[in-house]
């Protein structure tokens, strides 16, 4: 794909996600009466401004980022605005809702996209039958003579446990605690019943034992209204994967997979080349990542600001400007270090 087109798509995708995020803050802040002097799309010098009610809507030269300027935030105090119309002048629970609104709208955008993708597709993957779909060349399954179309009716693990599978997932689950030894598969092939003794091989890349056969994909046509259920299912599944991935990073697992702006740009370009549906789904995934990441309790992120507000409520007073500045500086350093590390990973993958 042409580099210029790829860059335009990249900036449009990020702008959509950021605008949605900041719009969440704006809508809820104004709902609670907070004075918002500016809603900015992009950064740098303003190239277009329009004042609607008391809020100036700005489009700025650099199409990356954005912000809502609320009275009471550092550097945005405006003379003549009553304290009760500042972010610090509203009730604590309202402050928390305002701070969480951006991430919430990102998650809702992802949910809406997932619903739309499932609805447009018109079908969902159904649990596959315990039937061999394909055989990996030179795998244990290929060595013993298993074939595509074999129906597995029983699996006996090395400890003697017998599994009578109803779905292919039962076979996968049966192997989840496997650590070594022979596995016996009883299969039906036409009118014949055959037994195969298999020694699964350990895959260093995937860090698990593999037999070497895959399932046969199975789909089910759905009604339009079922897309809401399956969209929610996709949302929670992706949320679980994202949270698990962040948890792994904290433990030092998967650091080599962390991507920064360069990596996201490359992925966006690749996805865009696969078509509009793939790109829309990618917007949903990125929006979900941004939403969840912003709720993490890291100073300078929305989650960190929520923690600070909660602490102030508990101790009954505001933290001093000095302490708040120090906390935010720590958060900024952490984010910058993460971005530097992620960018270094991206550059390393280029060469």
Protein backbone atom coordinates (compact mmCIF):
# COMPACT_ATOMS: atom_id res chain seq x y z
CA UNK A 1 0.00 0.00 0.00
CA UNK A 2 1.23 3.53 -0.84
CA UNK A 3 3.05 5.08 2.14
CA UNK A 4 1.07 8.34 1.95
CA UNK A 5 -2.26 6.49 1.96
CA UNK A 6 -1.05 4.29 4.81
CA UNK A 7 -0.07 7.37 6.84
CA UNK A 8 -3.44 9.02 6.20
CA UNK A 9 -5.29 5.88 7.30
CA UNK A 10 -3.04 5.61 10.37
CA UNK A 11 -3.74 9.20 11.44
CA UNK A 12 -7.47 8.84 10.74
CA UNK A 13 -7.68 5.65 12.84
CA UNK A 14 -5.81 7.22 15.78
CA UNK A 15 -7.82 10.44 15.48
CA UNK A 16 -11.12 8.54 15.65
CA UNK A 17 -10.03 6.74 18.81
CA UNK A 18 -8.66 9.88 20.47
CA UNK A 19 -11.67 12.03 19.52
CA UNK A 20 -14.04 9.42 20.94
CA UNK A 21 -11.98 9.30 24.14
CA UNK A 22 -11.90 13.06 24.64
CA UNK A 23 -15.55 13.37 23.61
CA UNK A 24 -16.42 11.05 26.50
CA UNK A 25 -14.71 13.41 28.95
CA UNK A 26 -16.38 16.45 27.35
CA UNK A 27 -19.95 15.11 27.34
CA UNK A 28 -19.90 13.96 30.96
CA UNK A 29 -18.01 17.02 32.24
CA UNK A 30 -20.56 19.37 30.66
CA UNK A 31 -23.39 17.16 31.94
CA UNK A 32 -22.08 17.77 35.47
CA UNK A 33 -21.74 21.51 34.85
CA UNK A 34 -17.96 21.68 34.54
CA UNK A 35 -16.81 24.65 32.46
CA UNK A 36 -14.96 23.32 29.39
CA UNK A 37 -13.21 26.14 27.55
CA UNK A 38 -11.87 24.04 24.67
CA UNK A 39 -12.28 20.71 22.92
CA UNK A 40 -9.21 20.19 20.74
CA UNK A 41 -8.76 17.72 17.91
CA UNK A 42 -5.05 17.36 17.26
CA UNK A 43 -2.11 19.21 18.74
CA UNK A 44 -0.02 22.26 17.86
CA UNK A 45 -1.27 25.57 16.41
CA UNK A 46 -4.99 25.87 15.69
CA UNK A 47 -5.96 25.93 12.01
CA UNK A 48 -9.74 26.19 12.62
CA UNK A 49 -11.81 27.16 15.63
CA UNK A 50 -15.53 27.35 16.21
CA UNK A 51 -17.20 28.38 19.46
CA UNK A 52 -20.32 26.47 20.40
CA UNK A 53 -21.99 27.71 23.53
CA UNK A 54 -19.07 28.27 25.96
CA UNK A 55 -16.69 25.68 24.44
CA UNK A 56 -14.30 26.40 21.59
CA UNK A 57 -13.90 23.48 19.21
CA UNK A 58 -10.40 23.53 17.73
CA UNK A 59 -8.80 21.61 14.89
CA UNK A 60 -5.02 21.78 15.22
CA UNK A 61 -2.19 21.30 12.76
CA UNK A 62 -0.79 17.98 14.03
CA UNK A 63 -3.48 15.28 13.50
CA UNK A 64 -2.43 13.28 16.53
CA UNK A 65 -3.79 13.61 20.04
CA UNK A 66 -6.37 15.94 21.47
CA UNK A 67 -7.68 17.20 24.78
CA UNK A 68 -10.53 18.76 26.72
CA UNK A 69 -9.60 21.85 28.73
CA UNK A 70 -11.68 21.79 31.90
CA UNK A 71 -11.69 24.55 34.50
CA UNK A 72 -9.73 23.47 37.57
CA UNK A 73 -7.14 21.41 35.76
CA UNK A 74 -3.53 22.49 36.05
CA UNK A 75 -2.79 25.25 33.56
CA UNK A 76 -6.43 25.76 32.63
CA UNK A 77 -7.88 27.83 35.47
CA UNK A 78 -10.07 30.57 34.07
CA UNK A 79 -10.86 33.74 36.01
CA UNK A 80 -14.47 34.33 36.87
CA UNK A 81 -15.50 30.64 36.82
CA UNK A 82 -17.21 29.63 40.09
CA UNK A 83 -15.46 26.85 42.02
CA UNK A 84 -18.51 24.60 41.71
CA UNK A 85 -18.07 24.70 37.94
CA UNK A 86 -14.48 23.39 38.08
CA UNK A 87 -13.50 19.74 37.95
CA UNK A 88 -12.39 19.99 41.59
CA UNK A 89 -15.62 21.66 42.65
CA UNK A 90 -17.97 18.80 41.76
CA UNK A 91 -18.57 15.75 43.95
CA UNK A 92 -15.89 13.06 44.08
CA UNK A 93 -18.03 10.43 42.37
CA UNK A 94 -18.73 12.86 39.55
CA UNK A 95 -15.01 13.57 39.14
CA UNK A 96 -14.38 9.82 38.87
CA UNK A 97 -17.16 9.43 36.29
CA UNK A 98 -15.71 12.30 34.23
CA UNK A 99 -12.25 10.74 34.32
CA UNK A 100 -13.53 7.28 33.42
CA UNK A 101 -15.83 8.55 30.65
CA UNK A 102 -13.14 8.66 27.97
CA UNK A 103 -12.10 5.05 28.45
CA UNK A 104 -15.75 4.02 28.76
CA UNK A 105 -16.59 5.57 25.40
CA UNK A 106 -13.58 3.81 23.83
CA UNK A 107 -14.89 0.49 25.15
CA UNK A 108 -18.41 1.28 23.93
CA UNK A 109 -17.01 2.10 20.48
CA UNK A 110 -15.29 -1.28 20.41
CA UNK A 111 -18.53 -2.96 21.51
CA UNK A 112 -20.52 -1.21 18.75
CA UNK A 113 -17.92 -2.24 16.15
CA UNK A 114 -17.90 -5.86 17.31
CA UNK A 115 -21.70 -5.96 17.10
CA UNK A 116 -21.58 -4.49 13.59
CA UNK A 117 -18.88 -6.93 12.44
CA UNK A 118 -20.81 -9.95 13.71
CA UNK A 119 -24.07 -8.62 12.24
CA UNK A 120 -22.48 -7.99 8.83
CA UNK A 121 -20.87 -11.43 8.87
CA UNK A 122 -24.15 -13.16 9.68
CA UNK A 123 -22.58 -16.20 11.30
CA UNK A 124 -20.40 -17.22 14.23
CA UNK A 125 -17.96 -20.02 14.81
CA UNK A 126 -19.56 -22.98 16.53
CA UNK A 127 -17.77 -25.61 18.65
CA UNK A 128 -16.15 -28.02 16.21
CA UNK A 129 -16.97 -31.71 16.29
CA UNK A 130 -14.15 -34.03 17.48
CA UNK A 131 -13.14 -34.68 13.88
CA UNK A 132 -9.65 -34.37 12.42
CA UNK A 133 -9.69 -31.45 9.98
CA UNK A 134 -6.10 -31.48 8.77
CA UNK A 135 -2.82 -33.18 9.60
CA UNK A 136 0.46 -31.32 10.13
CA UNK A 137 3.20 -32.80 7.97
CA UNK A 138 5.77 -34.93 9.87
CA UNK A 139 3.82 -34.53 13.10
CA UNK A 140 3.14 -37.37 15.60
CA UNK A 141 -0.40 -37.68 14.19
CA UNK A 142 0.96 -38.02 10.64
CA UNK A 143 3.58 -40.56 11.75
CA UNK A 144 1.05 -42.96 13.27
CA UNK A 145 -1.30 -42.69 10.27
CA UNK A 146 -4.17 -40.50 11.44
CA UNK A 147 -6.13 -39.01 8.53
CA UNK A 148 -8.38 -36.07 7.75
CA UNK A 149 -12.00 -36.94 8.54
CA UNK A 150 -11.20 -39.34 11.40
CA UNK A 151 -13.78 -38.97 14.18
CA UNK A 152 -12.19 -39.25 17.62
CA UNK A 153 -14.51 -41.13 19.96
CA UNK A 154 -12.12 -41.59 22.90
CA UNK A 155 -8.82 -40.27 24.20
CA UNK A 156 -6.89 -42.03 26.96
CA UNK A 157 -4.25 -39.97 28.76
CA UNK A 158 -1.01 -41.42 30.21
CA UNK A 159 -2.53 -41.49 33.73
CA UNK A 160 -5.39 -43.65 32.47
CA UNK A 161 -8.02 -40.91 32.37
CA UNK A 162 -10.53 -41.52 29.57
CA UNK A 163 -12.12 -38.62 27.72
CA UNK A 164 -15.19 -39.14 25.54
CA UNK A 165 -15.19 -35.89 23.52
CA UNK A 166 -18.36 -34.15 22.49
CA UNK A 167 -16.48 -31.27 20.85
CA UNK A 168 -12.93 -30.67 19.63
CA UNK A 169 -12.43 -28.35 22.61
CA UNK A 170 -12.73 -31.39 24.90
CA UNK A 171 -9.61 -32.82 23.22
CA UNK A 172 -7.73 -29.55 23.67
CA UNK A 173 -8.79 -29.34 27.31
CA UNK A 174 -7.68 -32.94 27.86
CA UNK A 175 -4.17 -32.04 26.73
CA UNK A 176 -3.95 -28.88 28.86
CA UNK A 177 -2.18 -30.65 31.76
CA UNK A 178 -0.23 -33.15 29.67
CA UNK A 179 3.47 -33.43 30.64
CA UNK A 180 4.61 -36.56 28.80
CA UNK A 181 3.80 -40.14 27.89
CA UNK A 182 1.67 -41.94 25.31
CA UNK A 183 -1.85 -40.82 24.43
CA UNK A 184 -4.23 -43.36 22.90
CA UNK A 185 -6.82 -42.12 20.40
CA UNK A 186 -9.75 -44.30 19.38
CA UNK A 187 -11.14 -43.14 16.06
CA UNK A 188 -13.92 -44.09 13.68
CA UNK A 189 -12.97 -44.17 10.01
CA UNK A 190 -15.95 -45.16 7.95
CA UNK A 191 -17.06 -48.54 9.33
CA UNK A 192 -13.71 -49.18 11.05
CA UNK A 193 -12.68 -48.44 14.63
CA UNK A 194 -8.93 -47.90 15.04
CA UNK A 195 -6.57 -47.14 17.92
CA UNK A 196 -3.50 -44.92 17.58
CA UNK A 197 -0.78 -44.54 20.21
CA UNK A 198 0.70 -41.05 19.91
CA UNK A 199 3.70 -39.39 21.59
CA UNK A 200 2.99 -35.61 21.48
CA UNK A 201 5.99 -33.39 20.69
CA UNK A 202 6.92 -30.27 22.63
CA UNK A 203 6.93 -27.06 20.59
CA UNK A 204 9.49 -24.57 21.94
CA UNK A 205 7.86 -21.61 20.19
CA UNK A 206 4.35 -22.24 21.48
CA UNK A 207 5.66 -23.78 24.71
CA UNK A 208 3.20 -26.66 24.69
CA UNK A 209 2.82 -30.23 23.48
CA UNK A 210 1.32 -30.79 20.02
CA UNK A 211 -0.17 -33.91 18.45
CA UNK A 212 -0.33 -32.45 14.96
CA UNK A 213 -3.96 -32.35 13.86
CA UNK A 214 -6.44 -29.49 13.66
CA UNK A 215 -10.20 -29.20 13.86
CA UNK A 216 -12.69 -28.78 11.05
CA UNK A 217 -14.09 -25.21 11.18
CA UNK A 218 -17.80 -25.11 11.93
CA UNK A 219 -20.08 -22.08 11.69
CA UNK A 220 -23.67 -21.26 12.62
CA UNK A 221 -25.90 -18.70 10.89
CA UNK A 222 -27.36 -16.20 13.36
CA UNK A 223 -30.27 -13.76 13.41
CA UNK A 224 -29.42 -10.04 13.48
CA UNK A 225 -30.42 -9.64 17.14
CA UNK A 226 -28.01 -12.40 18.20
CA UNK A 227 -25.13 -10.17 17.10
CA UNK A 228 -25.54 -8.19 20.34
CA UNK A 229 -24.85 -11.30 22.40
CA UNK A 230 -21.91 -12.42 20.28
CA UNK A 231 -20.57 -8.86 20.08
CA UNK A 232 -20.54 -8.78 23.89
CA UNK A 233 -18.90 -12.21 23.95
CA UNK A 234 -16.16 -10.92 21.63
CA UNK A 235 -15.76 -7.79 23.77
CA UNK A 236 -15.24 -9.72 27.03
CA UNK A 237 -12.96 -12.24 25.35
CA UNK A 238 -10.76 -9.46 23.97
CA UNK A 239 -10.80 -7.60 27.30
CA UNK A 240 -9.61 -10.75 29.03
CA UNK A 241 -6.79 -11.21 26.53
CA UNK A 242 -5.69 -7.56 26.86
CA UNK A 243 -5.68 -7.65 30.66
CA UNK A 244 -3.80 -10.95 30.61
CA UNK A 245 -1.24 -9.48 28.20
CA UNK A 246 -0.70 -6.45 30.46
CA UNK A 247 -0.35 -8.78 33.43
CA UNK A 248 2.29 -10.78 31.57
CA UNK A 249 4.20 -7.58 30.78
CA UNK A 250 4.30 -6.67 34.46
CA UNK A 251 5.88 -10.10 35.10
CA UNK A 252 8.34 -9.52 32.26
CA UNK A 253 6.69 -11.98 29.87
CA UNK A 254 6.23 -10.96 26.22
CA UNK A 255 8.22 -7.72 26.42
CA UNK A 256 9.61 -8.43 22.96
CA UNK A 257 6.09 -8.17 21.53
CA UNK A 258 5.40 -4.64 22.83
CA UNK A 259 4.78 -2.23 19.96
CA UNK A 260 4.92 1.55 19.77
CA UNK A 261 3.70 4.00 17.12
CA UNK A 262 5.86 2.45 14.40
CA UNK A 263 4.53 -1.03 15.09
CA UNK A 264 0.94 0.21 15.24
CA UNK A 265 1.44 2.04 11.95
CA UNK A 266 2.80 -1.13 10.30
CA UNK A 267 -0.07 -3.22 11.66
CA UNK A 268 -2.63 -0.63 10.56
CA UNK A 269 -1.14 -0.57 7.05
CA UNK A 270 -1.25 -4.37 6.87
CA UNK A 271 -4.83 -4.56 8.13
CA UNK A 272 -5.96 -1.79 5.76
CA UNK A 273 -4.63 -3.81 2.82
CA UNK A 274 -6.98 -6.64 3.84
CA UNK A 275 -10.10 -4.55 3.31
CA UNK A 276 -12.55 -2.23 5.03
CA UNK A 277 -14.05 -4.90 7.32
CA UNK A 278 -10.63 -5.82 8.70
CA UNK A 279 -9.78 -2.13 9.22
CA UNK A 280 -13.03 -1.44 11.09
CA UNK A 281 -12.39 -4.42 13.36
CA UNK A 282 -8.84 -3.12 13.94
CA UNK A 283 -10.26 0.26 15.02
CA UNK A 284 -12.39 -1.59 17.57
CA UNK A 285 -9.43 -3.55 18.91
CA UNK A 286 -7.25 -0.44 19.20
CA UNK A 287 -10.05 1.51 20.86
CA UNK A 288 -10.52 -1.29 23.39
CA UNK A 289 -6.78 -1.35 24.12
CA UNK A 290 -6.71 2.43 24.62
CA UNK A 291 -9.75 2.30 26.89
CA UNK A 292 -8.41 -0.43 29.14
CA UNK A 293 -4.87 0.97 29.21
CA UNK A 294 -6.18 4.39 30.31
CA UNK A 295 -7.92 2.81 33.29
CA UNK A 296 -4.70 1.32 34.64
CA UNK A 297 -3.64 2.95 37.95
CA UNK A 298 -0.65 4.75 36.46
CA UNK A 299 -0.23 8.45 37.33
CA UNK A 300 -1.02 10.75 34.38
CA UNK A 301 -3.49 8.20 32.94
CA UNK A 302 -7.19 8.40 33.80
CA UNK A 303 -6.90 5.40 36.12
CA UNK A 304 -4.10 7.08 38.07
CA UNK A 305 -6.07 10.30 38.36
CA UNK A 306 -9.05 8.32 39.68
CA UNK A 307 -6.81 6.78 42.36
CA UNK A 308 -5.58 10.25 43.40
CA UNK A 309 -9.14 11.58 43.67
CA UNK A 310 -10.13 8.53 45.74
CA UNK A 311 -7.14 9.04 48.06
CA UNK A 312 -8.06 12.70 48.53
CA UNK A 313 -11.60 11.66 49.44
CA UNK A 314 -10.31 9.16 52.01
CA UNK A 315 -7.87 11.56 53.70
CA UNK A 316 -10.37 14.42 53.54
CA UNK A 317 -8.16 16.96 51.77
CA UNK A 318 -6.46 17.65 48.46
CA UNK A 319 -2.90 16.54 47.96
CA UNK A 320 -0.49 19.44 47.75
CA UNK A 321 0.48 20.75 44.34
CA UNK A 322 4.05 19.58 45.03
CA UNK A 323 2.96 16.00 45.71
CA UNK A 324 0.60 15.94 42.72
CA UNK A 325 3.34 17.28 40.44
CA UNK A 326 5.76 14.62 41.70
CA UNK A 327 3.21 11.85 41.17
CA UNK A 328 2.40 13.04 37.65
CA UNK A 329 6.12 13.33 36.85
CA UNK A 330 6.63 9.70 37.87
CA UNK A 331 3.74 8.67 35.65
CA UNK A 332 5.10 10.70 32.75
CA UNK A 333 8.53 9.11 33.11
CA UNK A 334 6.98 5.63 33.15
CA UNK A 335 4.97 6.34 30.00
CA UNK A 336 7.97 7.86 28.21
CA UNK A 337 10.16 4.89 29.14
CA UNK A 338 7.46 2.52 27.89
CA UNK A 339 7.21 4.41 24.60
CA UNK A 340 11.00 4.43 24.17
CA UNK A 341 11.16 0.70 24.86
CA UNK A 342 8.26 -0.03 22.48
CA UNK A 343 9.80 2.14 19.74
CA UNK A 344 13.14 0.37 20.19
CA UNK A 345 11.29 -2.93 19.72
CA UNK A 346 9.69 -1.59 16.54
CA UNK A 347 13.02 -0.45 15.14
CA UNK A 348 14.62 -3.76 16.07
CA UNK A 349 11.95 -5.63 14.09
CA UNK A 350 12.67 -3.46 11.04
CA UNK A 351 16.31 -4.57 10.85
